[in-house]
Amino acid sequence: MNGMNGTSDTQGKKIGDVILDVSNISLRFGGVKALTDISFNVREHEIRSIIGPNGAGKSSMLNCINGVYVPQEGRITFRGQTFGHMNRRQVAEMGLARTFQNLALFKGMSVIDNIMTGRNMKMRSNLFLQALRWGPAEREECAHREHVEHIIDFLEIQAFRKTPVGRLPYGLQKRVDLGRALAMEPKVLLLDEPMAGMNVEEKQDMCRFILDVNEEFGTTIVLIEHDMGVVMDISDRVVVLDYGKKIGDGTPDEVRGNEDVIRAYLGTSH
């Protein structure tokens, strides 16, 4: 995957041009440096993983990308537009969605209603008409619900569509969280430890859905994940952070053989 023009990876998947470019990002909280001069890019249609030991700055990096944190230095270029920082609404409107490490679902609401919240940005009717479900608003809601039903089918959670999310097993709640992000029809999907706390079977299911989202929807994916086996199996490229600094960047094989990465994971780098 060399060069700026679209090319293909070793498995024949079409990888496009750079869609997201992170340039010299530094983030501080008081006197604490969370990120120091981080640069990397993400190409269209790839699965790009961010890995590193606990406290490496992975979630902070994701928070800078999707507008939760404002970095003190650096620029982010997304789909050709460059920003010192983006606010969260701007990020969503431009086609970037995120799941969270700690689930932020509405536990008392049904699966379908949780996923419907991901369609809010796409609804054009005003809140009054939506509340009345009258005329154009009713037609619009029907169209959005049809889209959500496709996502429910895709994620194989049809049997739970009317079940309150709080009653579902943890692995299925993670799947609903993915569905809500997919409902936004993102160009780039940020996944913050989507397999944290899952058993082996649930991880296998989530891996399959991530690969299917990437392949069937053409969605570009940026993934934070602690399970190194998962990362190396499904990623096109991997960037490695340690203590807020970048220590590796490349294909899974390149990262696997990087001495700095090996030392960081063995705990002997500091």
C-alpha atoms as a PDB file:
ATOM      1  CA  MET A   1       0.000   0.000   0.000  1.00  0.00           C
ATOM      2  CA  ASN A   2       2.595   2.484  -1.072  1.00  0.00           C
ATOM      3  CA  GLY A   3       2.038   5.788  -2.852  1.00  0.00           C
ATOM      4  CA  MET A   4      -0.739   8.313  -2.651  1.00  0.00           C
ATOM      5  CA  ASN A   5      -2.950   6.780  -5.322  1.00  0.00           C
ATOM      6  CA  GLY A   6      -5.441   4.008  -4.671  1.00  0.00           C
ATOM      7  CA  THR A   7      -3.942   0.528  -4.679  1.00  0.00           C
ATOM      8  CA  SER A   8      -4.742  -2.964  -3.475  1.00  0.00           C
ATOM      9  CA  ASP A   9      -3.526  -4.924  -0.484  1.00  0.00           C
ATOM     10  CA  THR A  10      -2.104  -8.436  -0.633  1.00  0.00           C
ATOM     11  CA  GLN A  11      -5.555  -9.991  -0.364  1.00  0.00           C
ATOM     12  CA  GLY A  12      -6.887  -8.088  -3.378  1.00  0.00           C
ATOM     13  CA  LYS A  13      -9.062  -5.640  -1.426  1.00  0.00           C
ATOM     14  CA  LYS A  14      -9.170  -2.231  -3.090  1.00  0.00           C
ATOM     15  CA  ILE A  15      -7.551   0.390  -0.873  1.00  0.00           C
ATOM     16  CA  GLY A  16      -8.201   4.005  -1.834  1.00  0.00           C
ATOM     17  CA  ASP A  17      -6.517   7.350  -1.258  1.00  0.00           C
ATOM     18  CA  VAL A  18      -5.973   8.903   2.151  1.00  0.00           C
ATOM     19  CA  ILE A  19      -9.366   9.820   3.656  1.00  0.00           C
ATOM     20  CA  LEU A  20      -8.137  10.847   7.128  1.00  0.00           C
ATOM     21  CA  ASP A  21      -4.756  12.416   7.865  1.00  0.00           C
ATOM     22  CA  VAL A  22      -3.603  13.064  11.419  1.00  0.00           C
ATOM     23  CA  SER A  23      -0.637  15.455  11.460  1.00  0.00           C
ATOM     24  CA  ASN A  24       1.591  16.312  14.453  1.00  0.00           C
ATOM     25  CA  ILE A  25      -1.156  16.022  17.072  1.00  0.00           C
ATOM     26  CA  SER A  26      -0.134  16.910  20.634  1.00  0.00           C
ATOM     27  CA  LEU A  27      -2.543  16.871  23.559  1.00  0.00           C
ATOM     28  CA  ARG A  28      -1.890  17.959  27.138  1.00  0.00           C
ATOM     29  CA  PHE A  29      -3.986  17.947  30.290  1.00  0.00           C
ATOM     30  CA  GLY A  30      -2.325  20.509  32.517  1.00  0.00           C
ATOM     31  CA  GLY A  31       1.279  19.385  32.727  1.00  0.00           C
ATOM     32  CA  VAL A  32       0.537  15.830  31.574  1.00  0.00           C
ATOM     33  CA  LYS A  33       1.320  14.979  27.952  1.00  0.00           C
ATOM     34  CA  ALA A  34      -1.299  12.560  26.654  1.00  0.00           C
ATOM     35  CA  LEU A  35      -0.111  12.676  23.022  1.00  0.00           C
ATOM     36  CA  THR A  36       3.145  14.003  21.594  1.00  0.00           C
ATOM     37  CA  ASP A  37       3.548  14.839  17.889  1.00  0.00           C
ATOM     38  CA  ILE A  38       1.446  11.953  16.545  1.00  0.00           C
ATOM     39  CA  SER A  39       1.103  11.588  12.772  1.00  0.00           C
ATOM     40  CA  PHE A  40      -0.488   8.829  10.695  1.00  0.00           C
ATOM     41  CA  ASN A  41      -3.048   8.471   7.938  1.00  0.00           C
ATOM     42  CA  VAL A  42      -5.995   6.256   7.088  1.00  0.00           C
ATOM     43  CA  ARG A  43      -6.792   5.144   3.547  1.00  0.00           C
ATOM     44  CA  GLU A  44     -10.288   4.669   2.191  1.00  0.00           C
ATOM     45  CA  HIS A  45     -11.686   1.133   2.639  1.00  0.00           C
ATOM     46  CA  GLU A  46      -8.900  -0.089   4.932  1.00  0.00           C
ATOM     47  CA  ILE A  47      -9.019  -1.410   8.491  1.00  0.00           C
ATOM     48  CA  ARG A  48      -6.503   0.713  10.390  1.00  0.00           C
ATOM     49  CA  SER A  49      -5.760  -0.333  13.961  1.00  0.00           C
ATOM     50  CA  ILE A  50      -4.312   1.721  16.803  1.00  0.00           C
ATOM     51  CA  ILE A  51      -2.657  -0.434  19.458  1.00  0.00           C
ATOM     52  CA  GLY A  52      -0.467   0.045  22.511  1.00  0.00           C
ATOM     53  CA  PRO A  53      -0.188  -0.836  26.204  1.00  0.00           C
ATOM     54  CA  ASN A  54      -2.618   0.648  28.758  1.00  0.00           C
ATOM     55  CA  GLY A  55      -2.140   4.406  29.049  1.00  0.00           C
ATOM     56  CA  ALA A  56      -0.588   4.673  25.583  1.00  0.00           C
ATOM     57  CA  GLY A  57      -3.022   7.385  24.458  1.00  0.00           C
ATOM     58  CA  LYS A  58      -5.208   5.351  22.090  1.00  0.00           C
ATOM     59  CA  SER A  59      -8.598   6.595  23.281  1.00  0.00           C
ATOM     60  CA  SER A  60      -7.233  10.147  23.576  1.00  0.00           C
ATOM     61  CA  MET A  61      -6.260   9.928  19.908  1.00  0.00           C
ATOM     62  CA  LEU A  62      -9.769   8.803  18.962  1.00  0.00           C
ATOM     63  CA  ASN A  63     -11.215  11.626  21.074  1.00  0.00           C
ATOM     64  CA  CYS A  64      -9.146  14.152  19.124  1.00  0.00           C
ATOM     65  CA  ILE A  65     -10.315  12.717  15.800  1.00  0.00           C
ATOM     66  CA  ASN A  66     -14.022  12.834  16.640  1.00  0.00           C
ATOM     67  CA  GLY A  67     -14.012  16.233  18.352  1.00  0.00           C
ATOM     68  CA  VAL A  68     -14.268  15.282  22.035  1.00  0.00           C
ATOM     69  CA  TYR A  69     -10.796  16.696  22.809  1.00  0.00           C
ATOM     70  CA  VAL A  70      -9.145  19.759  21.278  1.00  0.00           C
ATOM     71  CA  PRO A  71      -5.420  19.151  20.701  1.00  0.00           C
ATOM     72  CA  GLN A  72      -3.009  21.981  21.483  1.00  0.00           C
ATOM     73  CA  GLU A  73      -0.994  21.317  18.330  1.00  0.00           C
ATOM     74  CA  GLY A  74      -1.515  19.619  15.010  1.00  0.00           C
ATOM     75  CA  ARG A  75      -4.068  19.315  12.246  1.00  0.00           C
ATOM     76  CA  ILE A  76      -6.608  16.727  11.137  1.00  0.00           C
ATOM     77  CA  THR A  77      -7.576  16.481   7.472  1.00  0.00           C
ATOM     78  CA  PHE A  78     -10.793  14.573   6.816  1.00  0.00           C
ATOM     79  CA  ARG A  79     -12.082  14.069   3.265  1.00  0.00           C
ATOM     80  CA  GLY A  80      -9.935  16.932   1.981  1.00  0.00           C
ATOM     81  CA  GLN A  81     -10.857  19.500   4.656  1.00  0.00           C
ATOM     82  CA  THR A  82      -8.262  20.478   7.266  1.00  0.00           C
ATOM     83  CA  PHE A  83      -9.143  21.421  10.846  1.00  0.00           C
ATOM     84  CA  GLY A  84      -7.283  22.418  13.980  1.00  0.00           C
ATOM     85  CA  HIS A  85     -10.140  20.541  15.601  1.00  0.00           C
ATOM     86  CA  MET A  86     -13.674  19.513  14.711  1.00  0.00           C
ATOM     87  CA  ASN A  87     -16.733  19.621  16.931  1.00  0.00           C
ATOM     88  CA  ARG A  88     -18.751  16.441  17.336  1.00  0.00           C
ATOM     89  CA  ARG A  89     -21.713  17.536  15.210  1.00  0.00           C
ATOM     90  CA  GLN A  90     -19.401  18.600  12.399  1.00  0.00           C
ATOM     91  CA  VAL A  91     -17.658  15.229  12.582  1.00  0.00           C
ATOM     92  CA  ALA A  92     -20.949  13.323  12.342  1.00  0.00           C
ATOM     93  CA  GLU A  93     -22.272  15.457   9.481  1.00  0.00           C
ATOM     94  CA  MET A  94     -19.090  14.853   7.495  1.00  0.00           C
ATOM     95  CA  GLY A  95     -19.455  11.098   7.795  1.00  0.00           C
ATOM     96  CA  LEU A  96     -17.538   9.905  10.844  1.00  0.00           C
ATOM     97  CA  ALA A  97     -19.176   7.759  13.532  1.00  0.00           C
ATOM     98  CA  ARG A  98     -17.888   6.133  16.709  1.00  0.00           C
ATOM     99  CA  THR A  99     -18.630   3.387  19.181  1.00  0.00           C
ATOM    100  CA  PHE A 100     -17.444   3.769  22.756  1.00  0.00           C
ATOM    101  CA  GLN A 101     -15.416   1.549  25.084  1.00  0.00           C
ATOM    102  CA  ASN A 102     -18.047   2.047  27.786  1.00  0.00           C
ATOM    103  CA  LEU A 103     -21.475   1.507  26.291  1.00  0.00           C
ATOM    104  CA  ALA A 104     -23.606   4.659  26.079  1.00  0.00           C
ATOM    105  CA  LEU A 105     -26.849   2.977  25.043  1.00  0.00           C
ATOM    106  CA  PHE A 106     -30.323   3.845  26.321  1.00  0.00           C
ATOM    107  CA  LYS A 107     -30.844   0.743  28.455  1.00  0.00           C
ATOM    108  CA  GLY A 108     -34.608   1.151  28.855  1.00  0.00           C
ATOM    109  CA  MET A 109     -35.226   1.589  25.118  1.00  0.00           C
ATOM    110  CA  SER A 110     -35.646  -1.213  22.612  1.00  0.00           C
ATOM    111  CA  VAL A 111     -32.950  -2.343  20.217  1.00  0.00           C
ATOM    112  CA  ILE A 112     -34.668  -0.741  17.227  1.00  0.00           C
ATOM    113  CA  ASP A 113     -35.191   2.579  19.033  1.00  0.00           C
ATOM    114  CA  ASN A 114     -31.530   2.674  20.129  1.00  0.00           C
ATOM    115  CA  ILE A 115     -30.369   2.136  16.565  1.00  0.00           C
ATOM    116  CA  MET A 116     -32.883   4.738  15.339  1.00  0.00           C
ATOM    117  CA  THR A 117     -31.067   7.381  17.424  1.00  0.00           C
ATOM    118  CA  GLY A 118     -28.239   7.018  14.915  1.00  0.00           C
ATOM    119  CA  ARG A 119     -30.583   8.365  12.211  1.00  0.00           C
ATOM    120  CA  ASN A 120     -31.263  11.678  13.982  1.00  0.00           C
ATOM    121  CA  MET A 121     -28.689  13.567  11.907  1.00  0.00           C
ATOM    122  CA  LYS A 122     -30.433  12.442   8.730  1.00  0.00           C
ATOM    123  CA  MET A 123     -33.958  13.476   9.728  1.00  0.00           C
ATOM    124  CA  ARG A 124     -35.115  16.656   8.008  1.00  0.00           C
ATOM    125  CA  SER A 125     -38.546  17.083   9.625  1.00  0.00           C
ATOM    126  CA  ASN A 126     -38.733  19.405  12.614  1.00  0.00           C
ATOM    127  CA  LEU A 127     -39.222  17.969  16.095  1.00  0.00           C
ATOM    128  CA  PHE A 128     -42.878  19.054  16.248  1.00  0.00           C
ATOM    129  CA  LEU A 129     -43.790  17.103  13.097  1.00  0.00           C
ATOM    130  CA  GLN A 130     -41.715  14.153  14.265  1.00  0.00           C
ATOM    131  CA  ALA A 131     -43.601  14.108  17.561  1.00  0.00           C
ATOM    132  CA  LEU A 132     -46.945  14.157  15.729  1.00  0.00           C
ATOM    133  CA  ARG A 133     -45.706  11.593  13.173  1.00  0.00           C
ATOM    134  CA  TRP A 134     -47.733  13.506  10.615  1.00  0.00           C
ATOM    135  CA  GLY A 135     -47.419  13.802   6.842  1.00  0.00           C
ATOM    136  CA  PRO A 136     -43.827  14.083   5.566  1.00  0.00           C
ATOM    137  CA  ALA A 137     -42.454  13.284   9.037  1.00  0.00           C
ATOM    138  CA  GLU A 138     -44.322   9.974   9.116  1.00  0.00           C
ATOM    139  CA  ARG A 139     -43.069   9.007   5.650  1.00  0.00           C
ATOM    140  CA  GLU A 140     -39.542  10.007   6.594  1.00  0.00           C
ATOM    141  CA  GLU A 141     -39.630   7.955   9.788  1.00  0.00           C
ATOM    142  CA  CYS A 142     -40.864   4.909   7.874  1.00  0.00           C
ATOM    143  CA  ALA A 143     -37.927   5.218   5.480  1.00  0.00           C
ATOM    144  CA  HIS A 144     -35.477   5.523   8.366  1.00  0.00           C
ATOM    145  CA  ARG A 145     -37.013   2.544  10.159  1.00  0.00           C
ATOM    146  CA  GLU A 146     -36.666   0.490   6.994  1.00  0.00           C
ATOM    147  CA  HIS A 147     -32.962   1.368   6.893  1.00  0.00           C
ATOM    148  CA  VAL A 148     -32.600   0.381  10.553  1.00  0.00           C
ATOM    149  CA  GLU A 149     -34.360  -2.939   9.920  1.00  0.00           C
ATOM    150  CA  HIS A 150     -31.702  -3.726   7.284  1.00  0.00           C
ATOM    151  CA  ILE A 151     -29.002  -3.085   9.893  1.00  0.00           C
ATOM    152  CA  ILE A 152     -30.801  -5.333  12.398  1.00  0.00           C
ATOM    153  CA  ASP A 153     -30.916  -8.103   9.791  1.00  0.00           C
ATOM    154  CA  PHE A 154     -27.257  -7.542   8.921  1.00  0.00           C
ATOM    155  CA  LEU A 155     -26.220  -7.820  12.591  1.00  0.00           C
ATOM    156  CA  GLU A 156     -28.458 -10.867  13.109  1.00  0.00           C
ATOM    157  CA  ILE A 157     -30.385  -9.391  16.038  1.00  0.00           C
ATOM    158  CA  GLN A 158     -33.903  -9.697  14.587  1.00  0.00           C
ATOM    159  CA  ALA A 159     -35.099 -11.748  17.570  1.00  0.00           C
ATOM    160  CA  PHE A 160     -34.258  -8.863  19.936  1.00  0.00           C
ATOM    161  CA  ARG A 161     -35.497  -5.893  17.912  1.00  0.00           C
ATOM    162  CA  LYS A 162     -38.180  -4.918  20.482  1.00  0.00           C
ATOM    163  CA  THR A 163     -36.240  -6.022  23.579  1.00  0.00           C
ATOM    164  CA  PRO A 164     -34.980  -3.310  25.971  1.00  0.00           C
ATOM    165  CA  VAL A 165     -31.219  -3.147  25.470  1.00  0.00           C
ATOM    166  CA  GLY A 166     -30.551  -3.433  29.214  1.00  0.00           C
ATOM    167  CA  ARG A 167     -31.902  -6.987  29.162  1.00  0.00           C
ATOM    168  CA  LEU A 168     -29.457  -8.194  26.510  1.00  0.00           C
ATOM    169  CA  PRO A 169     -26.158  -9.992  27.146  1.00  0.00           C
ATOM    170  CA  TYR A 170     -23.102  -7.749  26.952  1.00  0.00           C
ATOM    171  CA  GLY A 171     -21.971  -9.095  23.567  1.00  0.00           C
ATOM    172  CA  LEU A 172     -25.341  -8.267  21.993  1.00  0.00           C
ATOM    173  CA  GLN A 173     -25.312  -4.788  23.550  1.00  0.00           C
ATOM    174  CA  LYS A 174     -21.970  -4.203  21.810  1.00  0.00           C
ATOM    175  CA  ARG A 175     -23.611  -5.286  18.556  1.00  0.00           C
ATOM    176  CA  VAL A 176     -26.432  -2.755  19.092  1.00  0.00           C
ATOM    177  CA  ASP A 177     -23.820  -0.049  19.698  1.00  0.00           C
ATOM    178  CA  LEU A 178     -22.231  -0.979  16.359  1.00  0.00           C
ATOM    179  CA  GLY A 179     -25.676  -0.846  14.728  1.00  0.00           C
ATOM    180  CA  ARG A 180     -26.330   2.650  16.046  1.00  0.00           C
ATOM    181  CA  ALA A 181     -23.035   3.847  14.555  1.00  0.00           C
ATOM    182  CA  LEU A 182     -23.820   2.137  11.230  1.00  0.00           C
ATOM    183  CA  ALA A 183     -27.207   3.880  11.150  1.00  0.00           C
ATOM    184  CA  MET A 184     -25.312   7.146  10.588  1.00  0.00           C
ATOM    185  CA  GLU A 185     -23.990   5.685   7.289  1.00  0.00           C
ATOM    186  CA  PRO A 186     -20.416   6.719   8.138  1.00  0.00           C
ATOM    187  CA  LYS A 187     -17.556   6.954   5.662  1.00  0.00           C
ATOM    188  CA  VAL A 188     -15.174   6.259   8.550  1.00  0.00           C
ATOM    189  CA  LEU A 189     -16.141   4.205  11.593  1.00  0.00           C
ATOM    190  CA  LEU A 190     -14.140   4.583  14.811  1.00  0.00           C
ATOM    191  CA  LEU A 191     -14.337   1.500  17.025  1.00  0.00           C
ATOM    192  CA  ASP A 192     -13.042   1.899  20.590  1.00  0.00           C
ATOM    193  CA  GLU A 193     -12.336  -1.605  21.915  1.00  0.00           C
ATOM    194  CA  PRO A 194     -15.446  -3.187  20.371  1.00  0.00           C
ATOM    195  CA  MET A 195     -14.482  -6.612  21.773  1.00  0.00           C
ATOM    196  CA  ALA A 196     -13.574  -5.600  25.327  1.00  0.00           C
ATOM    197  CA  GLY A 197     -15.117  -7.964  27.889  1.00  0.00           C
ATOM    198  CA  MET A 198     -16.298 -10.492  25.304  1.00  0.00           C
ATOM    199  CA  ASN A 199     -15.815 -14.241  25.358  1.00  0.00           C
ATOM    200  CA  VAL A 200     -14.124 -16.046  22.466  1.00  0.00           C
ATOM    201  CA  GLU A 201     -17.357 -16.759  20.576  1.00  0.00           C
ATOM    202  CA  GLU A 202     -18.564 -13.151  20.898  1.00  0.00           C
ATOM    203  CA  LYS A 203     -15.180 -11.894  19.662  1.00  0.00           C
ATOM    204  CA  GLN A 204     -15.373 -14.151  16.625  1.00  0.00           C
ATOM    205  CA  ASP A 205     -18.845 -12.809  15.820  1.00  0.00           C
ATOM    206  CA  MET A 206     -17.727  -9.190  16.194  1.00  0.00           C
ATOM    207  CA  CYS A 207     -14.665  -9.793  13.993  1.00  0.00           C
ATOM    208  CA  ARG A 208     -16.950 -11.198  11.307  1.00  0.00           C
ATOM    209  CA  PHE A 209     -19.255  -8.176  11.472  1.00  0.00           C
ATOM    210  CA  ILE A 210     -16.331  -5.722  11.325  1.00  0.00           C
ATOM    211  CA  LEU A 211     -14.933  -7.467   8.257  1.00  0.00           C
ATOM    212  CA  ASP A 212     -18.397  -7.551   6.651  1.00  0.00           C
ATOM    213  CA  VAL A 213     -18.972  -3.826   7.329  1.00  0.00           C
ATOM    214  CA  ASN A 214     -15.620  -3.093   5.727  1.00  0.00           C
ATOM    215  CA  GLU A 215     -16.204  -5.350   2.736  1.00  0.00           C
ATOM    216  CA  GLU A 216     -19.937  -5.058   2.021  1.00  0.00           C
ATOM    217  CA  PHE A 217     -20.521  -1.396   2.981  1.00  0.00           C
ATOM    218  CA  GLY A 218     -17.041  -0.233   1.934  1.00  0.00           C
ATOM    219  CA  THR A 219     -16.719   1.517   5.303  1.00  0.00           C
ATOM    220  CA  THR A 220     -13.248   2.618   6.374  1.00  0.00           C
ATOM    221  CA  ILE A 221     -12.547   1.428   9.921  1.00  0.00           C
ATOM    222  CA  VAL A 222     -10.221   2.775  12.614  1.00  0.00           C
ATOM    223  CA  LEU A 223      -9.989   0.228  15.400  1.00  0.00           C
ATOM    224  CA  ILE A 224      -8.614   0.277  18.944  1.00  0.00           C
ATOM    225  CA  GLU A 225      -8.289  -3.243  20.303  1.00  0.00           C
ATOM    226  CA  HIS A 226      -6.216  -4.976  22.995  1.00  0.00           C
ATOM    227  CA  ASP A 227      -6.484  -8.477  21.542  1.00  0.00           C
ATOM    228  CA  MET A 228      -3.326  -8.684  19.425  1.00  0.00           C
ATOM    229  CA  GLY A 229      -4.516 -11.821  17.650  1.00  0.00           C
ATOM    230  CA  VAL A 230      -7.611  -9.976  16.439  1.00  0.00           C
ATOM    231  CA  VAL A 231      -5.625  -6.916  15.361  1.00  0.00           C
ATOM    232  CA  MET A 232      -3.089  -8.903  13.376  1.00  0.00           C
ATOM    233  CA  ASP A 233      -5.778 -11.012  11.718  1.00  0.00           C
ATOM    234  CA  ILE A 234      -8.088  -8.268  10.447  1.00  0.00           C
ATOM    235  CA  SER A 235      -5.966  -5.109  10.045  1.00  0.00           C
ATOM    236  CA  ASP A 236      -4.492  -3.738   6.836  1.00  0.00           C
ATOM    237  CA  ARG A 237      -2.152  -1.421   8.727  1.00  0.00           C
ATOM    238  CA  VAL A 238      -1.346  -0.838  12.394  1.00  0.00           C
ATOM    239  CA  VAL A 239      -0.045   2.224  14.254  1.00  0.00           C
ATOM    240  CA  VAL A 240       1.485   1.643  17.696  1.00  0.00           C
ATOM    241  CA  LEU A 241       1.455   4.170  20.543  1.00  0.00           C
ATOM    242  CA  ASP A 242       3.364   4.007  23.827  1.00  0.00           C
ATOM    243  CA  TYR A 243       3.268   6.703  26.510  1.00  0.00           C
ATOM    244  CA  GLY A 244       1.611   9.060  24.030  1.00  0.00           C
ATOM    245  CA  LYS A 245       4.269   8.670  21.344  1.00  0.00           C
ATOM    246  CA  LYS A 246       4.224   6.747  18.078  1.00  0.00           C
ATOM    247  CA  ILE A 247       6.704   3.860  18.130  1.00  0.00           C
ATOM    248  CA  GLY A 248       5.565   1.826  15.127  1.00  0.00           C
ATOM    249  CA  ASP A 249       3.506   2.052  11.943  1.00  0.00           C
ATOM    250  CA  GLY A 250       3.041  -0.417   9.099  1.00  0.00           C
ATOM    251  CA  THR A 251       1.542  -3.724   8.078  1.00  0.00           C
ATOM    252  CA  PRO A 252       0.829  -6.318  10.782  1.00  0.00           C
ATOM    253  CA  ASP A 253       3.996  -8.201   9.793  1.00  0.00           C
ATOM    254  CA  GLU A 254       6.114  -5.045   9.953  1.00  0.00           C
ATOM    255  CA  VAL A 255       4.727  -4.090  13.356  1.00  0.00           C
ATOM    256  CA  ARG A 256       5.088  -7.646  14.676  1.00  0.00           C
ATOM    257  CA  GLY A 257       8.815  -7.522  13.941  1.00  0.00           C
ATOM    258  CA  ASN A 258       9.406  -3.969  15.247  1.00  0.00           C
ATOM    259  CA  GLU A 259      11.883  -4.084  18.158  1.00  0.00           C
ATOM    260  CA  ASP A 260      10.419  -0.968  19.822  1.00  0.00           C
ATOM    261  CA  VAL A 261       6.971  -2.529  19.745  1.00  0.00           C
ATOM    262  CA  ILE A 262       8.247  -5.814  21.135  1.00  0.00           C
ATOM    263  CA  ARG A 263       9.991  -4.012  24.016  1.00  0.00           C
ATOM    264  CA  ALA A 264       6.893  -1.924  24.800  1.00  0.00           C
ATOM    265  CA  TYR A 265       4.680  -4.994  25.012  1.00  0.00           C
ATOM    266  CA  LEU A 266       7.236  -6.921  27.050  1.00  0.00           C
ATOM    267  CA  GLY A 267       7.390  -4.010  29.466  1.00  0.00           C
ATOM    268  CA  THR A 268      11.105  -3.381  29.030  1.00  0.00           C
ATOM    269  CA  SER A 269      11.004  -0.152  27.006  1.00  0.00           C
ATOM    270  CA  HIS A 270      11.101   2.153  30.057  1.00  0.00           C
END
